[in-house]
């Protein structure tokens, strides 16, 4: 179904959002403070596209709770899953899997696990690999329920590491990883090991594919995130929104234009900025808008 913006203005807004600490509260993982804003946006045909470090299994469950039915990006840009009715035709370079068109940007998890096993003894005691953690350990580190922790463990494209060394050791470790062809990404809780994929690369690919299949439509992107692994998508979106965090400062960006930072935390901040940027008047046709004083 075409959105109101396409019908009235021949334009479309796509919202790309991080989940943990952004749309979901950092501690409780709840989104209720953003629910009304989400319903308003979705009601006007604006897709809300998760762009997250979470797994396919996690997001599949979260989509039901969040009442989302559109595409989503997993494991820090490793792959995009696109529902069949989001685009008029098959996306270029995508394959059909688990009820979605899938565009992958990274090797599978086993490849990266093999590289991690090659790390010298100098580093092996300085990190914990997600694949070696017990379910109880994952629950302890993430605050997830056991059921959600099981979903989190079902990674397909990369491997999170819990770093236990100091900053200098981490710097040296990252140098070694990069020599092996790894592109490590620092997330909210873990160091993510994977290929040359980012949330920004995935956002740009999906945007370009959307443009290719919707010629003549003006498309604008809004990205929201709270951590270092969100920087790449915040840099490439038309509008970037940094969400305040209770545990760290907003990520540093090179851009200065169309950059906003919330005062409130998590989903409250998500709603705070989007309500200001996209008030109800945005969705009214020119005829419906009240007359302005001359």
C-alpha atoms as a PDB file:
ATOM      1  CA  UNK A   1       0.000   0.000   0.000  1.00  0.00           C
ATOM      2  CA  UNK A   2       1.501   3.381  -0.969  1.00  0.00           C
ATOM      3  CA  UNK A   3       2.083   5.749   1.888  1.00  0.00           C
ATOM      4  CA  UNK A   4       0.247   9.050   2.326  1.00  0.00           C
ATOM      5  CA  UNK A   5       3.454  10.882   1.507  1.00  0.00           C
ATOM      6  CA  UNK A   6       3.718   9.123  -1.870  1.00  0.00           C
ATOM      7  CA  UNK A   7       0.066   9.774  -2.659  1.00  0.00           C
ATOM      8  CA  UNK A   8       0.105  13.450  -1.701  1.00  0.00           C
ATOM      9  CA  UNK A   9       3.645  14.663  -2.225  1.00  0.00           C
ATOM     10  CA  UNK A  10       5.336  12.007  -4.394  1.00  0.00           C
ATOM     11  CA  UNK A  11       7.880  11.449  -1.651  1.00  0.00           C
ATOM     12  CA  UNK A  12       8.715   8.800   0.905  1.00  0.00           C
ATOM     13  CA  UNK A  13      10.523   8.808   4.250  1.00  0.00           C
ATOM     14  CA  UNK A  14      12.412   5.706   5.402  1.00  0.00           C
ATOM     15  CA  UNK A  15      13.351   5.475   9.080  1.00  0.00           C
ATOM     16  CA  UNK A  16      16.329   3.294  10.030  1.00  0.00           C
ATOM     17  CA  UNK A  17      16.694   2.662  13.750  1.00  0.00           C
ATOM     18  CA  UNK A  18      19.032   0.912  16.108  1.00  0.00           C
ATOM     19  CA  UNK A  19      17.223  -1.186  18.712  1.00  0.00           C
ATOM     20  CA  UNK A  20      19.093  -1.673  22.022  1.00  0.00           C
ATOM     21  CA  UNK A  21      19.444   1.671  23.772  1.00  0.00           C
ATOM     22  CA  UNK A  22      17.579   3.494  21.004  1.00  0.00           C
ATOM     23  CA  UNK A  23      14.107   2.172  20.209  1.00  0.00           C
ATOM     24  CA  UNK A  24      14.424  -0.264  23.129  1.00  0.00           C
ATOM     25  CA  UNK A  25      15.337   0.866  26.645  1.00  0.00           C
ATOM     26  CA  UNK A  26      18.958   0.043  27.531  1.00  0.00           C
ATOM     27  CA  UNK A  27      18.001  -1.833  30.687  1.00  0.00           C
ATOM     28  CA  UNK A  28      14.450  -3.129  30.232  1.00  0.00           C
ATOM     29  CA  UNK A  29      14.435  -3.616  26.425  1.00  0.00           C
ATOM     30  CA  UNK A  30      10.924  -2.119  26.400  1.00  0.00           C
ATOM     31  CA  UNK A  31       9.646   0.224  23.704  1.00  0.00           C
ATOM     32  CA  UNK A  32       6.386   1.477  25.216  1.00  0.00           C
ATOM     33  CA  UNK A  33       7.600   5.096  25.389  1.00  0.00           C
ATOM     34  CA  UNK A  34       7.907   5.101  21.592  1.00  0.00           C
ATOM     35  CA  UNK A  35       4.748   3.122  20.824  1.00  0.00           C
ATOM     36  CA  UNK A  36       2.389   6.034  20.086  1.00  0.00           C
ATOM     37  CA  UNK A  37       4.943   7.731  17.849  1.00  0.00           C
ATOM     38  CA  UNK A  38       5.583   4.447  16.021  1.00  0.00           C
ATOM     39  CA  UNK A  39       1.880   3.861  15.441  1.00  0.00           C
ATOM     40  CA  UNK A  40       1.502   7.372  14.005  1.00  0.00           C
ATOM     41  CA  UNK A  41       4.418   6.937  11.608  1.00  0.00           C
ATOM     42  CA  UNK A  42       3.383   3.462  10.491  1.00  0.00           C
ATOM     43  CA  UNK A  43      -0.182   4.688  10.049  1.00  0.00           C
ATOM     44  CA  UNK A  44       1.091   7.229   7.528  1.00  0.00           C
ATOM     45  CA  UNK A  45       3.000   4.561   5.623  1.00  0.00           C
ATOM     46  CA  UNK A  46       6.484   5.419   6.880  1.00  0.00           C
ATOM     47  CA  UNK A  47       8.520   2.204   7.270  1.00  0.00           C
ATOM     48  CA  UNK A  48      10.470   1.764  10.507  1.00  0.00           C
ATOM     49  CA  UNK A  49      13.446  -0.401   9.567  1.00  0.00           C
ATOM     50  CA  UNK A  50      15.488  -1.974  12.405  1.00  0.00           C
ATOM     51  CA  UNK A  51      19.233  -1.683  11.754  1.00  0.00           C
ATOM     52  CA  UNK A  52      20.770  -3.613  14.599  1.00  0.00           C
ATOM     53  CA  UNK A  53      23.496  -5.888  15.919  1.00  0.00           C
ATOM     54  CA  UNK A  54      20.793  -8.400  16.812  1.00  0.00           C
ATOM     55  CA  UNK A  55      20.327 -11.700  14.978  1.00  0.00           C
ATOM     56  CA  UNK A  56      17.689 -12.703  12.441  1.00  0.00           C
ATOM     57  CA  UNK A  57      16.037 -14.895  15.099  1.00  0.00           C
ATOM     58  CA  UNK A  58      15.901 -12.018  17.586  1.00  0.00           C
ATOM     59  CA  UNK A  59      14.478  -9.483  15.163  1.00  0.00           C
ATOM     60  CA  UNK A  60      11.935 -11.957  13.834  1.00  0.00           C
ATOM     61  CA  UNK A  61      10.471 -12.182  17.341  1.00  0.00           C
ATOM     62  CA  UNK A  62      10.822  -8.460  18.047  1.00  0.00           C
ATOM     63  CA  UNK A  63       8.949  -7.507  14.863  1.00  0.00           C
ATOM     64  CA  UNK A  64       5.835  -9.127  16.314  1.00  0.00           C
ATOM     65  CA  UNK A  65       6.143  -7.222  19.591  1.00  0.00           C
ATOM     66  CA  UNK A  66       6.930  -3.955  17.825  1.00  0.00           C
ATOM     67  CA  UNK A  67       4.136  -4.452  15.239  1.00  0.00           C
ATOM     68  CA  UNK A  68       6.606  -4.068  12.364  1.00  0.00           C
ATOM     69  CA  UNK A  69       6.214  -5.872   9.062  1.00  0.00           C
ATOM     70  CA  UNK A  70       8.875  -4.299   6.841  1.00  0.00           C
ATOM     71  CA  UNK A  71      12.530  -5.077   6.119  1.00  0.00           C
ATOM     72  CA  UNK A  72      15.284  -5.256   8.738  1.00  0.00           C
ATOM     73  CA  UNK A  73      19.078  -5.272   8.887  1.00  0.00           C
ATOM     74  CA  UNK A  74      20.897  -7.664  11.227  1.00  0.00           C
ATOM     75  CA  UNK A  75      24.311  -8.205  12.815  1.00  0.00           C
ATOM     76  CA  UNK A  76      25.673  -4.701  12.201  1.00  0.00           C
ATOM     77  CA  UNK A  77      24.878  -4.618   8.495  1.00  0.00           C
ATOM     78  CA  UNK A  78      25.814  -8.219   7.671  1.00  0.00           C
ATOM     79  CA  UNK A  79      22.511  -8.895   5.909  1.00  0.00           C
ATOM     80  CA  UNK A  80      19.204  -7.295   4.949  1.00  0.00           C
ATOM     81  CA  UNK A  81      15.957  -9.265   5.101  1.00  0.00           C
ATOM     82  CA  UNK A  82      13.258  -7.788   2.855  1.00  0.00           C
ATOM     83  CA  UNK A  83       9.636  -8.886   3.020  1.00  0.00           C
ATOM     84  CA  UNK A  84       8.156  -9.765  -0.373  1.00  0.00           C
ATOM     85  CA  UNK A  85       5.643  -6.889  -0.556  1.00  0.00           C
ATOM     86  CA  UNK A  86       8.107  -4.119   0.358  1.00  0.00           C
ATOM     87  CA  UNK A  87       9.485  -3.789  -3.184  1.00  0.00           C
ATOM     88  CA  UNK A  88       7.689  -4.291  -6.512  1.00  0.00           C
ATOM     89  CA  UNK A  89      10.306  -6.763  -7.783  1.00  0.00           C
ATOM     90  CA  UNK A  90      13.171  -8.972  -6.629  1.00  0.00           C
ATOM     91  CA  UNK A  91      16.080  -6.915  -5.247  1.00  0.00           C
ATOM     92  CA  UNK A  92      19.286  -7.206  -7.242  1.00  0.00           C
ATOM     93  CA  UNK A  93      21.745  -9.710  -5.819  1.00  0.00           C
ATOM     94  CA  UNK A  94      19.258 -11.084  -3.288  1.00  0.00           C
ATOM     95  CA  UNK A  95      18.203 -14.685  -2.696  1.00  0.00           C
ATOM     96  CA  UNK A  96      15.017 -16.120  -1.193  1.00  0.00           C
ATOM     97  CA  UNK A  97      15.341 -17.574   2.314  1.00  0.00           C
ATOM     98  CA  UNK A  98      13.029 -18.048   5.285  1.00  0.00           C
ATOM     99  CA  UNK A  99      10.244 -16.014   3.670  1.00  0.00           C
ATOM    100  CA  UNK A 100      12.424 -12.988   2.823  1.00  0.00           C
ATOM    101  CA  UNK A 101      14.610 -11.653   0.058  1.00  0.00           C
ATOM    102  CA  UNK A 102      18.092 -11.660   1.616  1.00  0.00           C
ATOM    103  CA  UNK A 103      21.032  -9.485   0.630  1.00  0.00           C
ATOM    104  CA  UNK A 104      24.216 -10.573   2.414  1.00  0.00           C
ATOM    105  CA  UNK A 105      27.368  -8.470   2.894  1.00  0.00           C
ATOM    106  CA  UNK A 106      29.488 -10.851   4.992  1.00  0.00           C
ATOM    107  CA  UNK A 107      30.890 -14.363   5.175  1.00  0.00           C
ATOM    108  CA  UNK A 108      29.149 -16.835   7.455  1.00  0.00           C
ATOM    109  CA  UNK A 109      29.888 -17.104  11.179  1.00  0.00           C
ATOM    110  CA  UNK A 110      32.030 -20.254  10.928  1.00  0.00           C
ATOM    111  CA  UNK A 111      34.576 -18.379   8.843  1.00  0.00           C
ATOM    112  CA  UNK A 112      35.066 -15.762  11.555  1.00  0.00           C
ATOM    113  CA  UNK A 113      35.148 -18.385  14.320  1.00  0.00           C
ATOM    114  CA  UNK A 114      38.016 -20.055  12.471  1.00  0.00           C
ATOM    115  CA  UNK A 115      39.957 -16.787  12.444  1.00  0.00           C
ATOM    116  CA  UNK A 116      39.330 -16.251  16.153  1.00  0.00           C
ATOM    117  CA  UNK A 117      40.708 -19.713  16.927  1.00  0.00           C
ATOM    118  CA  UNK A 118      43.922 -18.701  15.158  1.00  0.00           C
ATOM    119  CA  UNK A 119      44.545 -15.850  17.586  1.00  0.00           C
ATOM    120  CA  UNK A 120      47.812 -16.212  19.498  1.00  0.00           C
ATOM    121  CA  UNK A 121      47.841 -17.212  23.210  1.00  0.00           C
ATOM    122  CA  UNK A 122      48.799 -13.597  23.901  1.00  0.00           C
ATOM    123  CA  UNK A 123      45.171 -12.605  23.331  1.00  0.00           C
ATOM    124  CA  UNK A 124      43.090 -15.701  24.059  1.00  0.00           C
ATOM    125  CA  UNK A 125      42.755 -14.927  27.768  1.00  0.00           C
ATOM    126  CA  UNK A 126      41.709 -11.336  27.051  1.00  0.00           C
ATOM    127  CA  UNK A 127      38.274 -12.016  25.576  1.00  0.00           C
ATOM    128  CA  UNK A 128      35.266 -14.295  25.791  1.00  0.00           C
ATOM    129  CA  UNK A 129      33.705 -15.481  22.572  1.00  0.00           C
ATOM    130  CA  UNK A 130      29.922 -15.590  22.381  1.00  0.00           C
ATOM    131  CA  UNK A 131      30.033 -19.109  20.940  1.00  0.00           C
ATOM    132  CA  UNK A 132      31.844 -20.384  24.052  1.00  0.00           C
ATOM    133  CA  UNK A 133      29.489 -18.758  26.567  1.00  0.00           C
ATOM    134  CA  UNK A 134      26.886 -20.704  28.483  1.00  0.00           C
ATOM    135  CA  UNK A 135      23.288 -19.553  28.312  1.00  0.00           C
ATOM    136  CA  UNK A 136      23.549 -18.331  31.912  1.00  0.00           C
ATOM    137  CA  UNK A 137      26.617 -16.281  30.997  1.00  0.00           C
ATOM    138  CA  UNK A 138      24.835 -14.629  28.069  1.00  0.00           C
ATOM    139  CA  UNK A 139      21.888 -13.815  30.328  1.00  0.00           C
ATOM    140  CA  UNK A 140      24.265 -12.353  32.926  1.00  0.00           C
ATOM    141  CA  UNK A 141      26.062 -10.129  30.416  1.00  0.00           C
ATOM    142  CA  UNK A 142      23.083  -8.938  28.397  1.00  0.00           C
ATOM    143  CA  UNK A 143      20.213  -8.845  30.878  1.00  0.00           C
ATOM    144  CA  UNK A 144      18.117 -10.828  28.397  1.00  0.00           C
ATOM    145  CA  UNK A 145      15.676 -13.518  29.406  1.00  0.00           C
ATOM    146  CA  UNK A 146      16.774 -17.100  28.745  1.00  0.00           C
ATOM    147  CA  UNK A 147      14.437 -17.298  25.757  1.00  0.00           C
ATOM    148  CA  UNK A 148      15.826 -14.089  24.250  1.00  0.00           C
ATOM    149  CA  UNK A 149      19.401 -15.146  25.029  1.00  0.00           C
ATOM    150  CA  UNK A 150      18.842 -18.322  23.007  1.00  0.00           C
ATOM    151  CA  UNK A 151      17.762 -16.198  20.055  1.00  0.00           C
ATOM    152  CA  UNK A 152      20.786 -13.938  20.530  1.00  0.00           C
ATOM    153  CA  UNK A 153      23.092 -16.950  20.324  1.00  0.00           C
ATOM    154  CA  UNK A 154      21.736 -17.903  16.880  1.00  0.00           C
ATOM    155  CA  UNK A 155      24.220 -15.793  14.957  1.00  0.00           C
ATOM    156  CA  UNK A 156      24.694 -16.337  11.236  1.00  0.00           C
ATOM    157  CA  UNK A 157      27.295 -13.840  10.048  1.00  0.00           C
ATOM    158  CA  UNK A 158      29.627 -12.691  12.843  1.00  0.00           C
ATOM    159  CA  UNK A 159      30.786 -13.240  16.398  1.00  0.00           C
ATOM    160  CA  UNK A 160      30.588 -10.916  19.422  1.00  0.00           C
ATOM    161  CA  UNK A 161      33.517 -10.872  21.834  1.00  0.00           C
ATOM    162  CA  UNK A 162      33.525  -9.622  25.420  1.00  0.00           C
ATOM    163  CA  UNK A 163      36.825  -7.766  25.857  1.00  0.00           C
ATOM    164  CA  UNK A 164      38.496  -8.195  29.259  1.00  0.00           C
ATOM    165  CA  UNK A 165      41.866  -6.533  28.635  1.00  0.00           C
ATOM    166  CA  UNK A 166      42.888  -2.880  28.814  1.00  0.00           C
ATOM    167  CA  UNK A 167      42.574  -0.242  26.100  1.00  0.00           C
ATOM    168  CA  UNK A 168      46.137  -0.608  24.800  1.00  0.00           C
ATOM    169  CA  UNK A 169      45.764  -4.380  24.512  1.00  0.00           C
ATOM    170  CA  UNK A 170      42.499  -3.815  22.662  1.00  0.00           C
ATOM    171  CA  UNK A 171      44.191  -1.446  20.232  1.00  0.00           C
ATOM    172  CA  UNK A 172      46.866  -4.061  19.461  1.00  0.00           C
ATOM    173  CA  UNK A 173      44.229  -6.785  19.198  1.00  0.00           C
ATOM    174  CA  UNK A 174      42.263  -4.789  16.633  1.00  0.00           C
ATOM    175  CA  UNK A 175      45.420  -4.286  14.562  1.00  0.00           C
ATOM    176  CA  UNK A 176      45.934  -8.072  14.472  1.00  0.00           C
ATOM    177  CA  UNK A 177      42.285  -8.647  13.552  1.00  0.00           C
ATOM    178  CA  UNK A 178      42.456  -6.196  10.667  1.00  0.00           C
ATOM    179  CA  UNK A 179      45.550  -7.936   9.302  1.00  0.00           C
ATOM    180  CA  UNK A 180      43.433 -11.098   9.141  1.00  0.00           C
ATOM    181  CA  UNK A 181      40.749  -9.292   7.141  1.00  0.00           C
ATOM    182  CA  UNK A 182      38.411  -8.707  10.074  1.00  0.00           C
ATOM    183  CA  UNK A 183      36.483  -5.458  10.374  1.00  0.00           C
ATOM    184  CA  UNK A 184      35.758  -5.213  14.121  1.00  0.00           C
ATOM    185  CA  UNK A 185      32.899  -2.984  15.299  1.00  0.00           C
ATOM    186  CA  UNK A 186      32.426  -1.777  18.862  1.00  0.00           C
ATOM    187  CA  UNK A 187      28.820  -2.150  19.989  1.00  0.00           C
ATOM    188  CA  UNK A 188      27.096  -1.273  23.229  1.00  0.00           C
ATOM    189  CA  UNK A 189      28.367  -4.324  25.104  1.00  0.00           C
ATOM    190  CA  UNK A 190      30.561  -6.337  22.740  1.00  0.00           C
ATOM    191  CA  UNK A 191      33.263  -6.149  20.086  1.00  0.00           C
ATOM    192  CA  UNK A 192      31.663  -7.590  16.941  1.00  0.00           C
ATOM    193  CA  UNK A 193      33.884  -9.620  14.629  1.00  0.00           C
ATOM    194  CA  UNK A 194      32.863  -9.819  10.981  1.00  0.00           C
ATOM    195  CA  UNK A 195      33.442  -8.745   7.410  1.00  0.00           C
ATOM    196  CA  UNK A 196      33.576  -5.394   5.684  1.00  0.00           C
ATOM    197  CA  UNK A 197      29.955  -4.570   6.375  1.00  0.00           C
ATOM    198  CA  UNK A 198      28.412  -1.744   8.339  1.00  0.00           C
ATOM    199  CA  UNK A 199      24.981  -0.418   9.136  1.00  0.00           C
ATOM    200  CA  UNK A 200      25.730   2.454   6.764  1.00  0.00           C
ATOM    201  CA  UNK A 201      26.611   0.187   3.831  1.00  0.00           C
ATOM    202  CA  UNK A 202      23.403  -1.788   4.344  1.00  0.00           C
ATOM    203  CA  UNK A 203      21.294   1.388   4.629  1.00  0.00           C
ATOM    204  CA  UNK A 204      22.796   2.788   1.428  1.00  0.00           C
ATOM    205  CA  UNK A 205      22.209  -0.453  -0.497  1.00  0.00           C
ATOM    206  CA  UNK A 206      18.552  -0.672   0.553  1.00  0.00           C
ATOM    207  CA  UNK A 207      18.015   3.021  -0.210  1.00  0.00           C
ATOM    208  CA  UNK A 208      19.508   2.669  -3.697  1.00  0.00           C
ATOM    209  CA  UNK A 209      17.428  -0.439  -4.396  1.00  0.00           C
ATOM    210  CA  UNK A 210      14.298   1.373  -3.223  1.00  0.00           C
ATOM    211  CA  UNK A 211      15.130   4.307  -5.504  1.00  0.00           C
ATOM    212  CA  UNK A 212      15.742   1.979  -8.451  1.00  0.00           C
ATOM    213  CA  UNK A 213      12.296   0.451  -8.044  1.00  0.00           C
ATOM    214  CA  UNK A 214      10.497   3.752  -7.278  1.00  0.00           C
ATOM    215  CA  UNK A 215      11.706   6.124  -9.977  1.00  0.00           C
ATOM    216  CA  UNK A 216      10.344   9.659  -9.793  1.00  0.00           C
ATOM    217  CA  UNK A 217       9.799   9.560  -6.041  1.00  0.00           C
ATOM    218  CA  UNK A 218      11.800  11.738  -3.652  1.00  0.00           C
ATOM    219  CA  UNK A 219      13.111   9.553  -0.833  1.00  0.00           C
ATOM    220  CA  UNK A 220      14.504  10.840   2.470  1.00  0.00           C
ATOM    221  CA  UNK A 221      16.181   8.793   5.183  1.00  0.00           C
ATOM    222  CA  UNK A 222      16.268   9.302   8.940  1.00  0.00           C
ATOM    223  CA  UNK A 223      18.646   7.241  11.091  1.00  0.00           C
ATOM    224  CA  UNK A 224      18.539   6.926  14.880  1.00  0.00           C
ATOM    225  CA  UNK A 225      21.227   5.357  17.063  1.00  0.00           C
ATOM    226  CA  UNK A 226      23.077   5.654  20.348  1.00  0.00           C
ATOM    227  CA  UNK A 227      26.404   3.821  19.915  1.00  0.00           C
ATOM    228  CA  UNK A 228      29.651   3.651  17.969  1.00  0.00           C
ATOM    229  CA  UNK A 229      28.309   0.908  15.721  1.00  0.00           C
ATOM    230  CA  UNK A 230      25.579   3.334  14.594  1.00  0.00           C
ATOM    231  CA  UNK A 231      28.022   5.961  13.319  1.00  0.00           C
ATOM    232  CA  UNK A 232      28.165   4.668   9.748  1.00  0.00           C
ATOM    233  CA  UNK A 233      24.388   4.872   9.238  1.00  0.00           C
ATOM    234  CA  UNK A 234      24.158   8.213  11.048  1.00  0.00           C
ATOM    235  CA  UNK A 235      26.782   9.631   8.695  1.00  0.00           C
ATOM    236  CA  UNK A 236      25.054   8.569   5.451  1.00  0.00           C
ATOM    237  CA  UNK A 237      21.397   9.290   6.290  1.00  0.00           C
ATOM    238  CA  UNK A 238      19.720  12.542   5.280  1.00  0.00           C
ATOM    239  CA  UNK A 239      18.882  13.241   8.926  1.00  0.00           C
ATOM    240  CA  UNK A 240      20.868  11.796  11.826  1.00  0.00           C
ATOM    241  CA  UNK A 241      19.490  11.484  15.357  1.00  0.00           C
ATOM    242  CA  UNK A 242      21.723  10.534  18.268  1.00  0.00           C
ATOM    243  CA  UNK A 243      19.784   9.063  21.164  1.00  0.00           C
ATOM    244  CA  UNK A 244      21.062   9.884  24.653  1.00  0.00           C
ATOM    245  CA  UNK A 245      22.321   6.878  26.624  1.00  0.00           C
ATOM    246  CA  UNK A 246      22.486   6.250  30.378  1.00  0.00           C
ATOM    247  CA  UNK A 247      25.894   4.545  30.046  1.00  0.00           C
ATOM    248  CA  UNK A 248      27.934   6.542  27.512  1.00  0.00           C
ATOM    249  CA  UNK A 249      28.199   9.819  25.640  1.00  0.00           C
ATOM    250  CA  UNK A 250      26.602  10.204  22.194  1.00  0.00           C
ATOM    251  CA  UNK A 251      28.852   8.911  19.395  1.00  0.00           C
ATOM    252  CA  UNK A 252      31.110  11.431  17.678  1.00  0.00           C
ATOM    253  CA  UNK A 253      30.236  12.206  14.055  1.00  0.00           C
ATOM    254  CA  UNK A 254      31.993  14.117  11.301  1.00  0.00           C
ATOM    255  CA  UNK A 255      28.756  15.637  10.017  1.00  0.00           C
ATOM    256  CA  UNK A 256      27.266  18.752  11.572  1.00  0.00           C
ATOM    257  CA  UNK A 257      24.252  19.435   9.332  1.00  0.00           C
ATOM    258  CA  UNK A 258      20.854  17.874  10.013  1.00  0.00           C
ATOM    259  CA  UNK A 259      22.241  16.291  13.159  1.00  0.00           C
ATOM    260  CA  UNK A 260      20.086  16.118  16.277  1.00  0.00           C
ATOM    261  CA  UNK A 261      20.687  14.730  19.760  1.00  0.00           C
ATOM    262  CA  UNK A 262      17.887  13.801  22.112  1.00  0.00           C
ATOM    263  CA  UNK A 263      17.702  15.068  25.667  1.00  0.00           C
ATOM    264  CA  UNK A 264      15.720  12.058  26.853  1.00  0.00           C
ATOM    265  CA  UNK A 265      16.995   8.491  26.956  1.00  0.00           C
ATOM    266  CA  UNK A 266      16.187   5.548  24.705  1.00  0.00           C
ATOM    267  CA  UNK A 267      12.627   5.297  23.390  1.00  0.00           C
ATOM    268  CA  UNK A 268      11.645   8.546  25.139  1.00  0.00           C
ATOM    269  CA  UNK A 269      14.380  10.312  23.182  1.00  0.00           C
ATOM    270  CA  UNK A 270      13.309   8.473  20.004  1.00  0.00           C
ATOM    271  CA  UNK A 271       9.828   9.943  20.356  1.00  0.00           C
ATOM    272  CA  UNK A 272      11.079  13.345  21.511  1.00  0.00           C
ATOM    273  CA  UNK A 273      13.047  14.103  18.340  1.00  0.00           C
ATOM    274  CA  UNK A 274      10.765  12.444  15.779  1.00  0.00           C
ATOM    275  CA  UNK A 275       7.727  14.243  17.177  1.00  0.00           C
ATOM    276  CA  UNK A 276       9.576  17.515  16.606  1.00  0.00           C
ATOM    277  CA  UNK A 277      10.867  16.631  13.137  1.00  0.00           C
ATOM    278  CA  UNK A 278       7.669  14.998  11.887  1.00  0.00           C
ATOM    279  CA  UNK A 279       4.733  16.722  13.575  1.00  0.00           C
ATOM    280  CA  UNK A 280       1.223  15.805  12.466  1.00  0.00           C
ATOM    281  CA  UNK A 281       1.152  18.820  10.125  1.00  0.00           C
ATOM    282  CA  UNK A 282       3.767  17.117   7.915  1.00  0.00           C
ATOM    283  CA  UNK A 283       1.170  14.553   6.909  1.00  0.00           C
ATOM    284  CA  UNK A 284      -1.611  17.016   6.071  1.00  0.00           C
ATOM    285  CA  UNK A 285      -2.193  17.912   2.442  1.00  0.00           C
ATOM    286  CA  UNK A 286      -1.856  21.626   1.559  1.00  0.00           C
ATOM    287  CA  UNK A 287      -5.652  21.865   1.352  1.00  0.00           C
ATOM    288  CA  UNK A 288      -6.053  20.439   4.837  1.00  0.00           C
ATOM    289  CA  UNK A 289      -3.460  22.656   6.461  1.00  0.00           C
ATOM    290  CA  UNK A 290      -4.798  25.683   8.302  1.00  0.00           C
ATOM    291  CA  UNK A 291      -4.416  29.072   6.665  1.00  0.00           C
ATOM    292  CA  UNK A 292      -1.294  30.901   7.768  1.00  0.00           C
ATOM    293  CA  UNK A 293      -1.470  34.574   8.693  1.00  0.00           C
ATOM    294  CA  UNK A 294      -0.088  36.902   6.059  1.00  0.00           C
END
